[in-house]
Amino acid sequence: MKSSTQTILEHSAIPRHIAVIMDGNGRWAKKRFLPRVMGHKRGLDALENMVKHCAELGVRYLTVFAFSTENWRRPEEEVSFLMGLFLQALQKQVRRLHDNNMRLKVIGSRERFNAEILKGIEVAEALTANNTGLTLSIAADYGRGCTRDYGRGIVALFDVGRCTRAGFVYPHRRRDAHQ
């Protein structure tokens, strides 16, 4: 039996928008007796691969919930590594996004990011602003506290993710398949 993650959907079955909650990278690393930060690095590698494949398949929007407000409570060393990884990705990947006609948006609160990360976000968003391919939205410093700035959509997607993980939502079942 072929895995559902290895099956290419018919073009008409490809969603316009995919949202992903990046969760479990540290547990993945721990399970393999690696430092948690190695799990975060592998998560970034997986994200790069996902962006490439979403663009190739014609997905219009990919939203990645990468760093919640609760993540600031992690050990300082881990948060520092994650911020460095974010900055590195902004600096190294934005050219690839732009060259492939992709747009980057960072959503969530920006208040806690340092000046270097803020500048990286500003440069990346400006460079890719007029691109018309896949829109990659990175939710960073998101959570219930940021809904006043971004509406209830972030909380709603977060809740859908939680329900999916709990087994209450079945994304592989298409609503129109039964009509």
C-alpha atoms as a PDB file:
ATOM      1  CA  MET A   1       0.000   0.000   0.000  1.00  0.00           C
ATOM      2  CA  LYS A   2       1.380   3.377  -0.998  1.00  0.00           C
ATOM      3  CA  SER A   3       1.605   6.085   1.658  1.00  0.00           C
ATOM      4  CA  SER A   4      -0.807   9.002   1.267  1.00  0.00           C
ATOM      5  CA  THR A   5       2.169  11.361   1.668  1.00  0.00           C
ATOM      6  CA  GLN A   6       3.770   9.882  -1.455  1.00  0.00           C
ATOM      7  CA  THR A   7       0.709  10.097  -3.677  1.00  0.00           C
ATOM      8  CA  ILE A   8       0.414  13.060  -6.017  1.00  0.00           C
ATOM      9  CA  LEU A   9      -3.095  14.481  -6.045  1.00  0.00           C
ATOM     10  CA  GLU A  10      -4.923  15.397  -9.209  1.00  0.00           C
ATOM     11  CA  HIS A  11      -4.455  19.101  -9.903  1.00  0.00           C
ATOM     12  CA  SER A  12      -8.096  19.836  -9.124  1.00  0.00           C
ATOM     13  CA  ALA A  13      -7.642  18.228  -5.701  1.00  0.00           C
ATOM     14  CA  ILE A  14      -4.725  20.443  -4.714  1.00  0.00           C
ATOM     15  CA  PRO A  15      -5.705  22.905  -1.988  1.00  0.00           C
ATOM     16  CA  ARG A  16      -5.257  26.643  -2.446  1.00  0.00           C
ATOM     17  CA  HIS A  17      -4.015  27.091   1.117  1.00  0.00           C
ATOM     18  CA  ILE A  18      -2.098  24.744   3.389  1.00  0.00           C
ATOM     19  CA  ALA A  19      -1.360  25.578   7.025  1.00  0.00           C
ATOM     20  CA  VAL A  20       1.265  23.678   9.006  1.00  0.00           C
ATOM     21  CA  ILE A  21       2.095  23.846  12.693  1.00  0.00           C
ATOM     22  CA  MET A  22       5.780  23.096  13.083  1.00  0.00           C
ATOM     23  CA  ASP A  23       5.749  20.972  16.192  1.00  0.00           C
ATOM     24  CA  GLY A  24       7.765  18.061  17.462  1.00  0.00           C
ATOM     25  CA  ASN A  25      11.212  18.929  16.112  1.00  0.00           C
ATOM     26  CA  GLY A  26      12.780  18.793  19.557  1.00  0.00           C
ATOM     27  CA  ARG A  27      11.057  15.495  20.351  1.00  0.00           C
ATOM     28  CA  TRP A  28      12.226  14.117  16.991  1.00  0.00           C
ATOM     29  CA  ALA A  29      15.831  14.945  17.903  1.00  0.00           C
ATOM     30  CA  LYS A  30      15.533  13.627  21.467  1.00  0.00           C
ATOM     31  CA  LYS A  31      14.164  10.324  20.173  1.00  0.00           C
ATOM     32  CA  ARG A  32      17.343   9.997  18.071  1.00  0.00           C
ATOM     33  CA  PHE A  33      19.637  11.051  20.946  1.00  0.00           C
ATOM     34  CA  LEU A  34      20.452  14.348  19.231  1.00  0.00           C
ATOM     35  CA  PRO A  35      20.376  17.851  20.718  1.00  0.00           C
ATOM     36  CA  ARG A  36      16.967  19.549  20.423  1.00  0.00           C
ATOM     37  CA  VAL A  37      18.478  22.219  18.198  1.00  0.00           C
ATOM     38  CA  MET A  38      19.313  19.585  15.577  1.00  0.00           C
ATOM     39  CA  GLY A  39      15.611  18.819  15.382  1.00  0.00           C
ATOM     40  CA  HIS A  40      14.924  22.480  14.687  1.00  0.00           C
ATOM     41  CA  LYS A  41      17.548  22.495  11.935  1.00  0.00           C
ATOM     42  CA  ARG A  42      15.957  19.419  10.341  1.00  0.00           C
ATOM     43  CA  GLY A  43      12.565  21.123  10.644  1.00  0.00           C
ATOM     44  CA  LEU A  44      13.907  24.040   8.600  1.00  0.00           C
ATOM     45  CA  ASP A  45      15.234  21.596   5.996  1.00  0.00           C
ATOM     46  CA  ALA A  46      11.790  19.966   5.824  1.00  0.00           C
ATOM     47  CA  LEU A  47      10.165  23.399   5.449  1.00  0.00           C
ATOM     48  CA  GLU A  48      12.422  24.268   2.514  1.00  0.00           C
ATOM     49  CA  ASN A  49      11.430  21.001   0.842  1.00  0.00           C
ATOM     50  CA  MET A  50       7.740  21.625   1.565  1.00  0.00           C
ATOM     51  CA  VAL A  51       7.876  25.134   0.064  1.00  0.00           C
ATOM     52  CA  LYS A  52       9.478  23.785  -3.092  1.00  0.00           C
ATOM     53  CA  HIS A  53       6.895  21.028  -3.533  1.00  0.00           C
ATOM     54  CA  CYS A  54       3.919  23.267  -2.731  1.00  0.00           C
ATOM     55  CA  ALA A  55       5.064  25.721  -5.391  1.00  0.00           C
ATOM     56  CA  GLU A  56       5.560  22.914  -7.925  1.00  0.00           C
ATOM     57  CA  LEU A  57       2.067  21.557  -7.241  1.00  0.00           C
ATOM     58  CA  GLY A  58       0.416  24.955  -7.596  1.00  0.00           C
ATOM     59  CA  VAL A  59      -0.519  25.613  -3.967  1.00  0.00           C
ATOM     60  CA  ARG A  60      -1.125  29.370  -3.734  1.00  0.00           C
ATOM     61  CA  TYR A  61      -0.651  29.898   0.018  1.00  0.00           C
ATOM     62  CA  LEU A  62       1.428  28.091   2.612  1.00  0.00           C
ATOM     63  CA  THR A  63       1.195  29.290   6.209  1.00  0.00           C
ATOM     64  CA  VAL A  64       3.699  27.887   8.664  1.00  0.00           C
ATOM     65  CA  PHE A  65       3.157  28.344  12.379  1.00  0.00           C
ATOM     66  CA  ALA A  66       6.813  28.377  13.370  1.00  0.00           C
ATOM     67  CA  PHE A  67       7.235  30.134  16.720  1.00  0.00           C
ATOM     68  CA  SER A  68       4.408  30.784  19.172  1.00  0.00           C
ATOM     69  CA  THR A  69       4.370  33.271  22.021  1.00  0.00           C
ATOM     70  CA  GLU A  70       4.768  30.290  24.365  1.00  0.00           C
ATOM     71  CA  ASN A  71       8.083  29.401  22.698  1.00  0.00           C
ATOM     72  CA  TRP A  72       9.723  32.410  24.354  1.00  0.00           C
ATOM     73  CA  ARG A  73       9.553  30.406  27.620  1.00  0.00           C
ATOM     74  CA  ARG A  74      11.998  27.807  26.325  1.00  0.00           C
ATOM     75  CA  PRO A  75      15.595  27.850  27.603  1.00  0.00           C
ATOM     76  CA  GLU A  76      17.434  31.005  26.500  1.00  0.00           C
ATOM     77  CA  GLU A  77      20.007  28.987  24.552  1.00  0.00           C
ATOM     78  CA  GLU A  78      17.285  27.254  22.513  1.00  0.00           C
ATOM     79  CA  VAL A  79      15.429  30.521  21.797  1.00  0.00           C
ATOM     80  CA  SER A  80      18.702  32.122  20.729  1.00  0.00           C
ATOM     81  CA  PHE A  81      19.386  29.218  18.367  1.00  0.00           C
ATOM     82  CA  LEU A  82      15.863  29.472  16.907  1.00  0.00           C
ATOM     83  CA  MET A  83      16.230  33.228  16.346  1.00  0.00           C
ATOM     84  CA  GLY A  84      19.594  32.632  14.653  1.00  0.00           C
ATOM     85  CA  LEU A  85      18.019  29.960  12.458  1.00  0.00           C
ATOM     86  CA  PHE A  86      15.193  32.355  11.540  1.00  0.00           C
ATOM     87  CA  LEU A  87      17.658  35.098  10.608  1.00  0.00           C
ATOM     88  CA  GLN A  88      19.822  32.661   8.646  1.00  0.00           C
ATOM     89  CA  ALA A  89      16.786  31.438   6.715  1.00  0.00           C
ATOM     90  CA  LEU A  90      15.712  35.013   5.962  1.00  0.00           C
ATOM     91  CA  GLN A  91      19.166  35.899   4.669  1.00  0.00           C
ATOM     92  CA  LYS A  92      19.850  32.728   2.689  1.00  0.00           C
ATOM     93  CA  GLN A  93      16.437  31.711   1.375  1.00  0.00           C
ATOM     94  CA  VAL A  94      14.844  35.013   0.403  1.00  0.00           C
ATOM     95  CA  ARG A  95      16.816  35.171  -2.863  1.00  0.00           C
ATOM     96  CA  ARG A  96      15.623  31.659  -3.756  1.00  0.00           C
ATOM     97  CA  LEU A  97      12.025  32.628  -2.953  1.00  0.00           C
ATOM     98  CA  HIS A  98      12.322  35.749  -5.089  1.00  0.00           C
ATOM     99  CA  ASP A  99      13.999  33.930  -7.989  1.00  0.00           C
ATOM    100  CA  ASN A 100      11.094  31.463  -7.958  1.00  0.00           C
ATOM    101  CA  ASN A 101       8.427  34.215  -7.930  1.00  0.00           C
ATOM    102  CA  MET A 102       7.366  33.471  -4.338  1.00  0.00           C
ATOM    103  CA  ARG A 103       6.219  36.061  -1.831  1.00  0.00           C
ATOM    104  CA  LEU A 104       7.157  36.015   1.856  1.00  0.00           C
ATOM    105  CA  LYS A 105       5.056  37.466   4.657  1.00  0.00           C
ATOM    106  CA  VAL A 106       5.775  37.294   8.367  1.00  0.00           C
ATOM    107  CA  ILE A 107       2.658  37.406  10.522  1.00  0.00           C
ATOM    108  CA  GLY A 108       2.362  37.718  14.282  1.00  0.00           C
ATOM    109  CA  SER A 109       3.806  40.229  16.701  1.00  0.00           C
ATOM    110  CA  ARG A 110       7.237  41.659  15.887  1.00  0.00           C
ATOM    111  CA  GLU A 111       7.801  43.431  19.198  1.00  0.00           C
ATOM    112  CA  ARG A 112      10.270  40.933  20.691  1.00  0.00           C
ATOM    113  CA  PHE A 113      12.516  40.450  17.654  1.00  0.00           C
ATOM    114  CA  ASN A 114      15.890  42.151  17.608  1.00  0.00           C
ATOM    115  CA  ALA A 115      16.795  44.850  15.070  1.00  0.00           C
ATOM    116  CA  GLU A 116      18.707  42.441  12.825  1.00  0.00           C
ATOM    117  CA  ILE A 117      15.735  40.077  12.477  1.00  0.00           C
ATOM    118  CA  LEU A 118      13.347  42.995  11.939  1.00  0.00           C
ATOM    119  CA  LYS A 119      15.589  44.303   9.160  1.00  0.00           C
ATOM    120  CA  GLY A 120      15.774  40.821   7.614  1.00  0.00           C
ATOM    121  CA  ILE A 121      11.971  40.570   7.627  1.00  0.00           C
ATOM    122  CA  GLU A 122      11.618  44.041   6.110  1.00  0.00           C
ATOM    123  CA  VAL A 123      14.123  43.317   3.321  1.00  0.00           C
ATOM    124  CA  ALA A 124      12.619  39.892   2.539  1.00  0.00           C
ATOM    125  CA  GLU A 125       9.045  41.161   2.424  1.00  0.00           C
ATOM    126  CA  ALA A 126       9.997  44.169   0.283  1.00  0.00           C
ATOM    127  CA  LEU A 127      12.004  42.084  -2.184  1.00  0.00           C
ATOM    128  CA  THR A 128       9.208  39.548  -2.680  1.00  0.00           C
ATOM    129  CA  ALA A 129       6.211  41.880  -2.361  1.00  0.00           C
ATOM    130  CA  ASN A 130       5.296  41.914  -6.053  1.00  0.00           C
ATOM    131  CA  ASN A 131       5.832  38.222  -6.717  1.00  0.00           C
ATOM    132  CA  THR A 132       2.760  36.322  -7.890  1.00  0.00           C
ATOM    133  CA  GLY A 133       3.570  32.676  -7.161  1.00  0.00           C
ATOM    134  CA  LEU A 134       3.232  30.872  -3.838  1.00  0.00           C
ATOM    135  CA  THR A 135       2.778  33.128  -0.806  1.00  0.00           C
ATOM    136  CA  LEU A 136       4.682  31.775   2.176  1.00  0.00           C
ATOM    137  CA  SER A 137       3.429  33.205   5.466  1.00  0.00           C
ATOM    138  CA  ILE A 138       5.557  32.549   8.519  1.00  0.00           C
ATOM    139  CA  ALA A 139       3.645  32.934  11.782  1.00  0.00           C
ATOM    140  CA  ALA A 140       6.219  34.015  14.340  1.00  0.00           C
ATOM    141  CA  ASP A 141       5.422  35.108  17.887  1.00  0.00           C
ATOM    142  CA  TYR A 142       1.800  34.187  17.338  1.00  0.00           C
ATOM    143  CA  GLY A 143      -0.774  33.100  19.868  1.00  0.00           C
ATOM    144  CA  ARG A 144      -3.887  34.193  21.643  1.00  0.00           C
ATOM    145  CA  GLY A 145      -2.254  37.475  22.601  1.00  0.00           C
ATOM    146  CA  CYS A 146      -1.728  38.563  18.986  1.00  0.00           C
ATOM    147  CA  THR A 147      -5.322  38.167  17.831  1.00  0.00           C
ATOM    148  CA  ARG A 148      -6.034  41.836  18.431  1.00  0.00           C
ATOM    149  CA  ASP A 149      -3.621  42.604  15.576  1.00  0.00           C
ATOM    150  CA  TYR A 150      -4.433  39.768  13.193  1.00  0.00           C
ATOM    151  CA  GLY A 151      -8.031  38.829  13.890  1.00  0.00           C
ATOM    152  CA  ARG A 152      -9.307  35.467  14.963  1.00  0.00           C
ATOM    153  CA  GLY A 153      -7.860  33.640  11.962  1.00  0.00           C
ATOM    154  CA  ILE A 154      -4.619  32.676  13.682  1.00  0.00           C
ATOM    155  CA  VAL A 155      -6.460  31.271  16.705  1.00  0.00           C
ATOM    156  CA  ALA A 156      -8.942  29.489  14.424  1.00  0.00           C
ATOM    157  CA  LEU A 157      -6.157  27.818  12.420  1.00  0.00           C
ATOM    158  CA  PHE A 158      -4.345  26.929  15.624  1.00  0.00           C
ATOM    159  CA  ASP A 159      -7.534  25.310  16.953  1.00  0.00           C
ATOM    160  CA  VAL A 160      -8.038  23.399  13.674  1.00  0.00           C
ATOM    161  CA  GLY A 161      -4.487  22.116  14.013  1.00  0.00           C
ATOM    162  CA  ARG A 162      -5.126  20.991  17.559  1.00  0.00           C
ATOM    163  CA  CYS A 163      -8.355  19.238  16.550  1.00  0.00           C
ATOM    164  CA  THR A 164      -6.657  17.543  13.600  1.00  0.00           C
ATOM    165  CA  ARG A 165      -3.890  16.309  15.842  1.00  0.00           C
ATOM    166  CA  ALA A 166      -6.481  14.973  18.302  1.00  0.00           C
ATOM    167  CA  GLY A 167      -8.168  13.055  15.482  1.00  0.00           C
ATOM    168  CA  PHE A 168     -11.344  15.119  15.191  1.00  0.00           C
ATOM    169  CA  VAL A 169     -10.635  16.510  11.700  1.00  0.00           C
ATOM    170  CA  TYR A 170      -9.794  14.360   8.730  1.00  0.00           C
ATOM    171  CA  PRO A 171      -8.045  16.532   6.102  1.00  0.00           C
ATOM    172  CA  HIS A 172      -7.777  13.638   3.618  1.00  0.00           C
ATOM    173  CA  ARG A 173     -11.577  13.510   3.296  1.00  0.00           C
ATOM    174  CA  ARG A 174     -12.881  16.063   0.846  1.00  0.00           C
ATOM    175  CA  ARG A 175     -16.285  17.494   1.621  1.00  0.00           C
ATOM    176  CA  ASP A 176     -17.410  17.459  -2.028  1.00  0.00           C
ATOM    177  CA  ALA A 177     -16.452  13.781  -2.433  1.00  0.00           C
ATOM    178  CA  HIS A 178     -19.779  12.773  -0.840  1.00  0.00           C
ATOM    179  CA  GLN A 179     -21.993  15.149  -2.819  1.00  0.00           C
END
